[in-house]
Protein backbone atom coordinates (compact mmCIF):
# COMPACT_ATOMS: atom_id res chain seq x y z
CA MET A 1 57.42 -26.05 -11.56
CA SER A 2 55.12 -28.45 -13.39
CA GLU A 3 51.43 -28.91 -12.66
CA LEU A 4 52.18 -32.38 -11.26
CA THR A 5 54.58 -31.02 -8.63
CA ALA A 6 52.64 -27.86 -7.78
CA PRO A 7 51.35 -27.78 -4.18
CA VAL A 8 47.65 -28.56 -3.70
CA VAL A 9 45.78 -25.61 -2.23
CA ARG A 10 42.97 -26.88 -0.01
CA PRO A 11 40.15 -24.57 0.94
CA GLY A 12 40.22 -23.30 4.50
CA PHE A 13 37.49 -23.76 7.11
CA SER A 14 35.94 -20.37 6.37
CA GLU A 15 35.79 -21.16 2.64
CA LEU A 16 34.06 -24.48 3.37
CA ILE A 17 31.45 -22.80 5.56
CA GLY A 18 30.93 -20.12 2.90
CA ALA A 19 30.26 -22.83 0.32
CA TRP A 20 27.58 -24.62 2.38
CA PRO A 21 24.66 -22.38 1.29
CA GLN A 22 25.44 -23.30 -2.33
CA SER A 23 25.50 -27.06 -1.70
CA ARG A 24 22.73 -29.30 -3.00
CA LEU A 25 21.72 -30.40 0.49
CA TRP A 26 21.40 -26.81 1.71
CA LEU A 27 19.39 -25.72 -1.32
CA LEU A 28 17.17 -28.79 -0.90
CA SER A 29 16.47 -27.87 2.72
CA VAL A 30 15.47 -24.35 1.66
CA ASP A 31 12.63 -25.88 -0.37
CA LEU A 32 11.92 -28.74 2.02
CA TYR A 33 11.19 -26.80 5.21
CA PRO A 34 8.21 -24.81 3.80
CA ALA A 35 6.80 -28.07 2.41
CA LEU A 36 7.10 -29.66 5.85
CA ALA A 37 5.42 -26.59 7.36
CA GLY A 38 2.58 -26.92 4.84
CA ALA A 39 2.17 -30.61 5.68
CA SER A 40 2.16 -29.77 9.41
CA LEU A 41 -0.43 -26.98 9.23
CA PRO A 42 -3.52 -29.19 9.68
CA TRP A 43 -1.95 -30.99 12.64
CA SER A 44 0.42 -28.91 14.75
CA THR A 45 1.25 -25.31 15.62
CA THR A 46 4.63 -26.20 17.13
CA ALA A 47 5.87 -28.03 14.04
CA VAL A 48 4.88 -25.14 11.76
CA SER A 49 6.75 -22.67 13.96
CA ILE A 50 9.87 -24.84 14.07
CA PHE A 51 9.98 -25.50 10.33
CA MET A 52 9.44 -21.85 9.42
CA VAL A 53 12.13 -20.64 11.84
CA LEU A 54 14.52 -23.21 10.38
CA TRP A 55 13.57 -22.09 6.88
CA MET A 56 14.33 -18.46 7.64
CA LEU A 57 17.73 -19.46 9.03
CA VAL A 58 18.67 -21.45 5.94
CA VAL A 59 17.17 -19.10 3.34
CA LEU A 60 18.95 -15.95 4.53
CA PRO A 61 22.46 -17.06 3.39
CA THR A 62 21.09 -17.84 -0.08
CA ILE A 63 19.61 -14.39 -0.67
CA HIS A 64 21.16 -12.07 -3.20
CA TRP A 65 20.49 -8.90 -1.23
CA PRO A 66 20.47 -6.34 -4.06
CA ALA A 67 17.84 -8.45 -5.87
CA PHE A 68 15.84 -8.91 -2.68
CA PHE A 69 15.83 -5.19 -1.92
CA GLU A 70 14.76 -4.60 -5.51
CA SER A 71 11.83 -6.99 -4.96
CA LEU A 72 10.71 -4.87 -1.98
CA ARG A 73 9.76 -2.13 -4.43
CA GLU A 74 6.67 -4.23 -5.15
CA PRO A 75 3.79 -3.33 -2.77
CA ALA A 76 2.90 -7.01 -2.30
CA SER A 77 6.29 -7.54 -0.65
CA LEU A 78 6.70 -4.17 1.01
CA LEU A 79 3.30 -3.84 2.71
CA PRO A 80 3.65 -6.90 5.00
CA LEU A 81 6.92 -5.40 6.26
CA ALA A 82 5.21 -2.01 6.65
CA PHE A 83 2.49 -3.71 8.70
CA LEU A 84 5.12 -5.31 10.95
CA ALA A 85 6.98 -2.00 11.28
CA LEU A 86 3.72 -0.32 12.32
CA ALA A 87 3.18 -2.97 14.99
CA PHE A 88 6.64 -2.27 16.44
CA ALA A 89 6.10 1.48 16.21
CA GLY A 90 2.81 1.08 18.11
CA LEU A 91 4.78 -0.06 21.14
CA PHE A 92 5.80 3.57 21.69
CA TRP A 93 2.24 4.81 22.20
CA THR A 94 0.63 1.71 23.69
CA GLU A 95 -1.52 2.28 26.76
CA ASP A 96 -0.47 -1.05 28.24
CA SER A 97 2.88 -2.43 29.36
CA TRP A 98 5.61 -3.24 26.88
CA ALA A 99 5.31 -6.93 27.82
CA THR A 100 1.68 -6.88 26.71
CA GLY A 101 2.65 -4.84 23.65
CA ILE A 102 5.18 -7.46 22.60
CA GLN A 103 2.40 -10.05 22.77
CA GLY A 104 0.50 -7.83 20.36
CA VAL A 105 3.43 -7.86 17.94
CA VAL A 106 3.67 -11.67 17.85
CA PRO A 107 0.62 -12.31 15.59
CA VAL A 108 2.02 -9.84 13.05
CA THR A 109 5.52 -11.32 12.87
CA LYS A 110 4.44 -14.11 10.51
CA LEU A 111 4.03 -11.44 7.80
CA LEU A 112 7.82 -11.19 7.69
CA ALA A 113 7.80 -14.47 5.77
CA VAL A 114 5.67 -13.10 2.89
CA PRO A 115 8.38 -11.09 1.05
CA LEU A 116 10.94 -13.84 1.69
CA LEU A 117 8.62 -16.50 0.25
CA LEU A 118 7.72 -14.34 -2.76
CA TYR A 119 11.41 -13.74 -3.46
CA HIS A 120 12.50 -17.36 -2.93
CA TYR A 121 9.77 -19.08 -4.95
CA GLU A 122 10.29 -16.75 -7.87
CA ARG A 123 13.75 -18.38 -8.04
CA SER A 124 12.80 -21.93 -7.05
CA GLN A 125 11.10 -24.54 -9.21
CA ARG A 126 9.79 -26.45 -6.17
CA GLY A 127 6.93 -24.24 -5.02
CA HIS A 128 4.49 -27.01 -5.89
CA TRP A 129 6.03 -29.08 -3.07
CA VAL A 130 4.39 -26.83 -0.49
CA LEU A 131 1.00 -26.87 -2.20
CA PHE A 132 0.95 -30.64 -2.71
CA ALA A 133 2.17 -31.28 0.84
CA PHE A 134 -0.66 -29.20 2.30
CA LEU A 135 -3.27 -30.82 0.06
CA ALA A 136 -2.04 -34.35 0.82
CA SER A 137 -2.03 -33.61 4.53
CA CYS A 138 -5.60 -32.30 4.38
CA VAL A 139 -6.72 -35.41 2.46
CA LEU A 140 -5.23 -37.54 5.23
CA LEU A 141 -6.99 -35.45 7.86
CA MET A 142 -10.27 -35.72 5.99
CA GLY A 143 -9.97 -39.53 5.95
CA LEU A 144 -9.22 -39.56 9.67
CA SER A 145 -12.16 -37.23 10.23
CA TRP A 146 -14.57 -39.72 8.67
CA VAL A 147 -13.05 -42.62 10.63
CA THR A 148 -13.37 -40.83 13.98
CA TYR A 149 -16.87 -39.67 13.07
CA PHE A 150 -18.18 -43.18 12.45
CA ALA A 151 -16.26 -44.49 15.45
CA ASP A 152 -17.80 -41.71 17.57
CA TRP A 153 -14.32 -40.89 18.93
CA LYS A 154 -13.68 -37.46 20.41
CA ALA A 155 -10.47 -35.76 21.42
CA SER A 156 -9.91 -35.15 25.13
CA SER A 157 -10.11 -31.36 24.85
CA PRO A 158 -13.27 -29.59 26.11
CA GLY A 159 -15.99 -29.18 23.49
CA ALA A 160 -14.37 -31.70 21.13
CA LEU A 161 -16.51 -33.16 18.35
CA ALA A 162 -16.52 -36.59 16.76
CA GLY A 163 -14.97 -36.14 13.33
CA VAL A 164 -12.59 -33.39 14.45
CA PRO A 165 -9.53 -35.43 15.49
CA VAL A 166 -7.10 -32.51 15.92
CA ARG A 167 -7.25 -28.78 16.59
CA ASN A 168 -10.83 -27.47 16.11
CA TYR A 169 -13.71 -27.48 13.65
CA ILE A 170 -13.09 -23.87 12.55
CA ASP A 171 -9.56 -24.63 11.35
CA GLN A 172 -10.63 -27.94 9.83
CA SER A 173 -13.47 -26.49 7.77
CA HIS A 174 -11.21 -23.60 6.67
CA GLU A 175 -8.69 -26.13 5.30
CA PHE A 176 -11.29 -28.36 3.68
CA ALA A 177 -13.05 -25.48 1.93
CA LEU A 178 -9.73 -24.21 0.61
CA CYS A 179 -8.77 -27.64 -0.74
CA LEU A 180 -12.21 -28.15 -2.28
CA PHE A 181 -12.04 -24.97 -4.33
CA VAL A 182 -8.37 -25.43 -5.24
CA MET A 183 -9.16 -28.89 -6.66
CA ALA A 184 -12.19 -27.80 -8.70
CA PRO A 185 -10.24 -26.46 -11.74
CA LEU A 186 -8.07 -29.59 -11.73
CA ILE A 187 -11.14 -31.74 -12.21
CA LEU A 188 -12.19 -29.62 -15.20
CA TRP A 189 -8.70 -29.91 -16.69
CA PHE A 190 -8.47 -33.69 -16.22
CA ALA A 191 -11.96 -34.18 -17.66
CA ALA A 192 -11.22 -31.96 -20.68
CA ASN A 193 -8.02 -33.90 -21.43
CA GLY A 194 -9.56 -37.35 -21.12
CA HIS A 195 -7.90 -38.39 -17.83
CA ARG A 196 -10.90 -40.30 -16.51
CA ALA A 197 -9.12 -41.97 -13.58
CA TRP A 198 -7.69 -38.71 -12.27
CA THR A 199 -11.03 -36.98 -12.78
CA LEU A 200 -12.87 -39.59 -10.71
CA ALA A 201 -10.17 -39.67 -8.03
CA PHE A 202 -10.13 -35.90 -7.56
CA ALA A 203 -13.94 -35.73 -7.69
CA ALA A 204 -14.16 -38.36 -4.95
CA VAL A 205 -11.72 -36.48 -2.73
CA MET A 206 -13.50 -33.17 -3.35
CA LEU A 207 -16.83 -34.81 -2.50
CA GLY A 208 -15.26 -36.10 0.72
CA PHE A 209 -14.28 -32.56 1.71
CA TYR A 210 -17.71 -31.20 0.86
CA LEU A 211 -19.71 -33.86 2.70
CA ASP A 212 -17.42 -33.58 5.72
CA MET A 213 -18.27 -29.89 5.94
CA ARG A 214 -21.98 -30.58 5.58
CA PHE A 215 -22.44 -33.68 7.78
CA ILE A 216 -19.60 -33.59 10.34
CA ALA A 217 -18.36 -30.10 11.19
CA THR A 218 -18.22 -26.63 9.70
CA SER A 219 -17.77 -23.09 10.95
CA ARG A 220 -20.41 -20.43 10.52
CA THR A 221 -17.75 -18.33 8.81
CA ALA A 222 -17.72 -20.90 6.01
CA PHE A 223 -21.36 -20.04 5.28
CA ALA A 224 -20.15 -16.53 4.42
CA TYR A 225 -17.26 -17.30 2.07
CA PHE A 226 -18.53 -20.54 0.48
CA PRO A 227 -21.10 -18.92 -1.87
CA VAL A 228 -18.63 -16.16 -2.79
CA LEU A 229 -16.01 -18.72 -3.80
CA LEU A 230 -18.63 -20.66 -5.76
CA ILE A 231 -19.49 -17.54 -7.75
CA LEU A 232 -15.80 -16.74 -8.22
CA PHE A 233 -15.15 -20.22 -9.62
CA ALA A 234 -18.13 -20.02 -11.98
CA VAL A 235 -17.10 -16.60 -13.28
CA LYS A 236 -13.46 -17.57 -13.78
CA TYR A 237 -13.81 -21.01 -15.33
CA LEU A 238 -17.24 -21.19 -16.98
CA ASN A 239 -18.98 -19.23 -19.68
CA ARG A 240 -22.09 -17.28 -18.78
CA ARG A 241 -24.63 -19.99 -19.62
CA HIS A 242 -22.68 -22.77 -17.91
CA ALA A 243 -22.03 -20.53 -14.90
CA ILE A 244 -25.76 -19.92 -14.44
CA TYR A 245 -26.54 -23.65 -14.73
CA PHE A 246 -23.70 -24.48 -12.32
CA LEU A 247 -24.86 -22.02 -9.67
CA MET A 248 -28.45 -23.21 -9.98
CA LEU A 249 -27.28 -26.80 -9.56
CA ALA A 250 -25.15 -25.80 -6.56
CA ALA A 251 -28.19 -24.16 -4.94
CA VAL A 252 -30.28 -27.31 -5.49
CA VAL A 253 -27.51 -29.52 -4.06
CA GLU A 254 -27.13 -27.28 -1.01
CA PHE A 255 -30.89 -27.37 -0.41
CA GLY A 256 -30.92 -31.17 -0.75
CA VAL A 257 -28.01 -31.51 1.65
CA LEU A 258 -29.76 -29.21 4.12
CA LEU A 259 -32.79 -31.51 4.10
CA SER A 260 -30.67 -34.65 4.56
CA SER A 261 -28.08 -33.42 7.08
CA PRO A 262 -29.22 -33.26 10.72
CA TYR A 263 -25.94 -31.57 11.63
CA LEU A 264 -26.37 -28.78 9.07
CA ARG A 265 -30.00 -28.16 10.07
CA ASP A 266 -28.96 -27.98 13.72
CA ARG A 267 -26.06 -25.65 12.89
CA ILE A 268 -28.27 -23.21 11.00
CA GLY A 269 -31.05 -23.53 13.56
CA ARG A 270 -28.68 -22.68 16.41
CA THR A 271 -27.45 -19.63 14.52
CA VAL A 272 -31.01 -18.36 14.06
CA GLN A 273 -31.86 -19.17 17.68
CA ASP A 274 -28.77 -17.32 18.91
CA TYR A 275 -29.94 -14.26 17.02
CA LYS A 276 -33.42 -14.43 18.57
CA VAL A 277 -32.06 -14.95 22.08
CA ASP A 278 -29.65 -12.04 21.67
CA ARG A 279 -32.46 -9.82 20.38
CA ASP A 280 -34.97 -10.69 23.11
CA THR A 281 -32.80 -11.33 26.20
CA SER A 282 -29.41 -10.50 27.72
CA ALA A 283 -28.20 -14.11 27.68
CA ALA A 284 -24.72 -14.74 26.32
CA THR A 285 -24.79 -16.27 22.84
CA SER A 286 -22.08 -16.52 20.23
CA ASN A 287 -23.76 -13.89 18.08
CA GLY A 288 -24.51 -11.67 21.07
CA LEU A 289 -20.93 -11.81 22.32
CA ARG A 290 -19.56 -10.94 18.88
CA LEU A 291 -21.90 -7.96 18.55
CA ALA A 292 -20.96 -6.83 22.05
CA TYR A 293 -17.25 -7.06 21.18
CA TRP A 294 -17.90 -4.97 18.07
CA ARG A 295 -19.77 -2.27 20.00
CA VAL A 296 -16.98 -2.03 22.56
CA SER A 297 -14.40 -1.91 19.76
CA ILE A 298 -16.14 0.91 17.89
CA ARG A 299 -16.37 2.94 21.07
CA SER A 300 -12.66 2.40 21.71
CA ILE A 301 -11.72 3.31 18.12
CA SER A 302 -13.65 6.59 18.35
CA GLU A 303 -11.37 7.61 21.23
CA ALA A 304 -8.19 7.30 19.10
CA PRO A 305 -9.27 7.06 15.46
CA VAL A 306 -6.06 7.99 13.64
CA PHE A 307 -3.23 6.09 15.33
CA GLY A 308 -5.17 3.84 17.72
CA HIS A 309 -4.30 2.94 21.30
CA GLY A 310 -1.04 1.19 20.47
CA THR A 311 0.13 -2.38 20.01
CA GLY A 312 -1.41 -4.87 22.44
CA SER A 313 -4.08 -2.45 23.69
CA THR A 314 -6.92 -4.86 22.85
CA GLN A 315 -6.13 -7.00 25.90
CA GLN A 316 -6.49 -4.05 28.29
CA LEU A 317 -9.71 -2.98 26.58
CA PHE A 318 -11.47 -6.34 26.87
CA SER A 319 -10.06 -7.04 30.34
CA ARG A 320 -11.67 -3.82 31.51
CA GLU A 321 -14.97 -4.78 29.88
CA ALA A 322 -14.96 -8.20 31.59
CA GLU A 323 -14.50 -6.81 35.12
CA GLY A 324 -17.36 -7.66 37.45
CA LYS A 325 -19.14 -9.87 34.93
CA SER A 326 -19.82 -13.60 35.17
CA GLY A 327 -20.18 -16.50 32.78
CA GLU A 328 -19.35 -15.95 29.15
CA TRP A 329 -19.49 -12.18 29.59
CA GLY A 330 -16.65 -12.39 32.12
CA ASN A 331 -14.22 -14.15 29.80
CA ILE A 332 -11.15 -12.11 28.87
CA ILE A 333 -10.39 -12.13 25.15
CA ARG A 334 -7.63 -10.52 23.09
CA ASN A 335 -9.51 -9.60 19.91
CA PRO A 336 -13.00 -8.50 18.82
CA HIS A 337 -13.46 -11.29 16.22
CA ASN A 338 -13.15 -8.89 13.32
CA GLN A 339 -9.82 -8.20 11.64
CA THR A 340 -10.56 -4.58 10.78
CA LEU A 341 -11.64 -3.71 14.32
CA TYR A 342 -8.67 -5.59 15.76
CA VAL A 343 -6.31 -3.48 13.67
CA ALA A 344 -8.18 -0.19 14.17
CA ILE A 345 -8.15 -0.46 17.98
CA GLN A 346 -4.37 -0.73 17.99
CA TRP A 347 -3.29 1.40 15.01
CA GLY A 348 -6.37 3.35 13.96
CA VAL A 349 -7.15 4.38 10.42
CA LEU A 350 -3.45 4.18 9.56
CA GLY A 351 -3.40 0.48 10.35
CA CYS A 352 -6.58 -0.17 8.35
CA LEU A 353 -5.08 1.56 5.31
CA VAL A 354 -2.05 -0.73 5.48
CA LEU A 355 -4.25 -3.82 6.00
CA TYR A 356 -6.57 -3.15 3.08
CA ALA A 357 -3.73 -2.06 0.81
CA MET A 358 -1.98 -5.35 1.54
CA TRP A 359 -5.10 -7.37 0.72
CA TYR A 360 -5.58 -5.37 -2.47
CA PHE A 361 -2.04 -5.78 -3.78
CA HIS A 362 -2.02 -9.46 -2.89
CA LEU A 363 -5.18 -9.85 -4.96
CA GLN A 364 -3.37 -8.10 -7.79
CA LEU A 365 -0.71 -10.82 -7.73
CA PHE A 366 -3.26 -13.34 -8.95
CA ARG A 367 -4.91 -11.74 -11.96
CA GLU A 368 -3.40 -14.15 -14.50
CA SER A 369 -5.04 -17.29 -15.88
CA LEU A 370 -2.69 -19.69 -14.10
CA PHE A 371 -3.50 -22.46 -11.67
CA ALA A 372 -1.21 -20.89 -9.05
CA SER A 373 -3.12 -17.62 -9.56
CA TRP A 374 -6.37 -19.41 -8.76
CA ILE A 375 -4.87 -20.84 -5.55
CA GLY A 376 -3.69 -17.43 -4.42
CA LEU A 377 -7.01 -15.82 -5.34
CA VAL A 378 -8.98 -18.34 -3.27
CA ILE A 379 -6.65 -17.87 -0.29
CA VAL A 380 -6.88 -14.06 -0.30
CA VAL A 381 -10.67 -13.97 -0.82
CA GLN A 382 -11.26 -16.61 1.83
CA ASN A 383 -9.09 -14.75 4.32
CA PHE A 384 -10.71 -11.40 3.58
CA ILE A 385 -14.28 -12.65 3.99
CA SER A 386 -13.56 -14.81 7.03
CA SER A 387 -11.81 -11.82 8.61
CA LEU A 388 -15.12 -9.97 8.62
CA LEU A 389 -16.29 -12.35 11.36
CA ASN A 390 -12.93 -13.33 12.88
CA SER A 391 -9.36 -12.08 13.13
CA HIS A 392 -8.03 -14.74 10.79
CA LEU A 393 -5.00 -12.87 9.53
CA PHE A 394 -3.64 -12.74 13.09
CA ASP A 395 -4.86 -16.21 14.13
CA PHE A 396 -2.10 -18.78 13.99
CA HIS A 397 -3.59 -21.38 11.66
CA GLU A 398 -5.52 -19.22 9.20
CA GLY A 399 -2.76 -16.62 9.27
CA TRP A 400 -0.09 -19.13 8.26
CA VAL A 401 -2.36 -20.53 5.54
CA TYR A 402 -2.48 -16.99 4.17
CA VAL A 403 1.25 -16.32 4.51
CA LEU A 404 2.38 -19.62 2.98
CA GLY A 405 -0.30 -19.56 0.31
CA VAL A 406 0.26 -15.99 -0.86
CA GLY A 407 4.05 -16.27 -0.62
CA VAL A 408 4.42 -19.57 -2.46
CA ALA A 409 1.65 -19.11 -5.04
CA GLY A 410 2.74 -15.52 -5.66
CA GLY A 411 6.32 -16.62 -6.22
CA ILE A 412 5.22 -19.34 -8.65
CA VAL A 413 3.15 -16.83 -10.63
CA ALA A 414 6.02 -14.33 -10.73
CA ARG A 415 8.39 -17.04 -11.97
CA ALA A 416 5.94 -18.12 -14.68
CA LEU A 417 5.59 -14.54 -15.92
CA ARG A 418 9.30 -13.76 -15.83
CA PRO A 419 10.83 -13.53 -19.32
CA GLY A 420 12.83 -16.63 -20.26
CA THR A 421 11.04 -19.06 -17.93
CA GLY A 422 7.96 -19.84 -19.98
């Protein structure tokens, strides 16, 4: 029988379905969904959740499982899964109901995406899509922030501020500070290579982020990590003499802005006043509430220091503390506004060891002199310091910034260091 008369064998339905994960459209969607999630982060929690669930569904069929399991030998990939496994294990010794325990697992589930992102973006050449999408979205939000500030427009939610068009000022300042420090090395690179237009454009955008944080809205947590990131930038990108001059100039600029910004003076003044009120009276202030949460947390941790009270036990603890109290003291919260205490209450010293090991090994991902390494370094340091005053790893917005940032930037760095891809 000749080739011309041979019967044509058409692939069956199962073969067609099996070929979908290798199609261009499917592989494009695997890179597109994280970028859409990054673009959605400043605006919507629902969109981020949808895009990341869709991404997990489409990325799983593309995984080469022996290679993926091999990647789990790296602590940076394994420890997030260990953290999630500990959260599930804590359901078996929780002092609350399983329904409440499951609610305690939910904030930890986002860590499942870290090893998948690290694995995928070591293979993909499109990791920059996610980073650029997030930056562009934050630039758009910053522009809208200035418009709503000058228009004196406020969102309808309670406690809304002019200049904070979506979500809240804590999330907004977290994003803007991250973008500001991520852009700083780019300005140096453009200036050194004679790209004047790009240098001026990026400098203008960076100035917009900075002034927004100083004249419109900023979180008190930003006061803690901002100077640390300034020093980190100076040490990493400047020689000793230039670093000293830069930090001196930064101090002068900050002092000048303090004198010229009524918002910043009021913000700092309220922080000092809160401290004095908490010291001299029993009135509920932000500082006083946080210190009270910490005292309650430490007492609870001392009762079960090794394995904690189980997943979700923080809600029962703070519900019990709020009984019979009024005003701010009677509000029921789920966490003590400190990541370490939040973890220790539920999983004791064991949980803290996993938490700090994860932070450490994620820092180790970003030791190289690469731009993606700088992005990852800023994200991990910002999350660590802000988690001293909040529970930002478990909070939705800051937690997803960490997961996407570490996963994508870590994958880019791993790809750049892999032999044959330089």
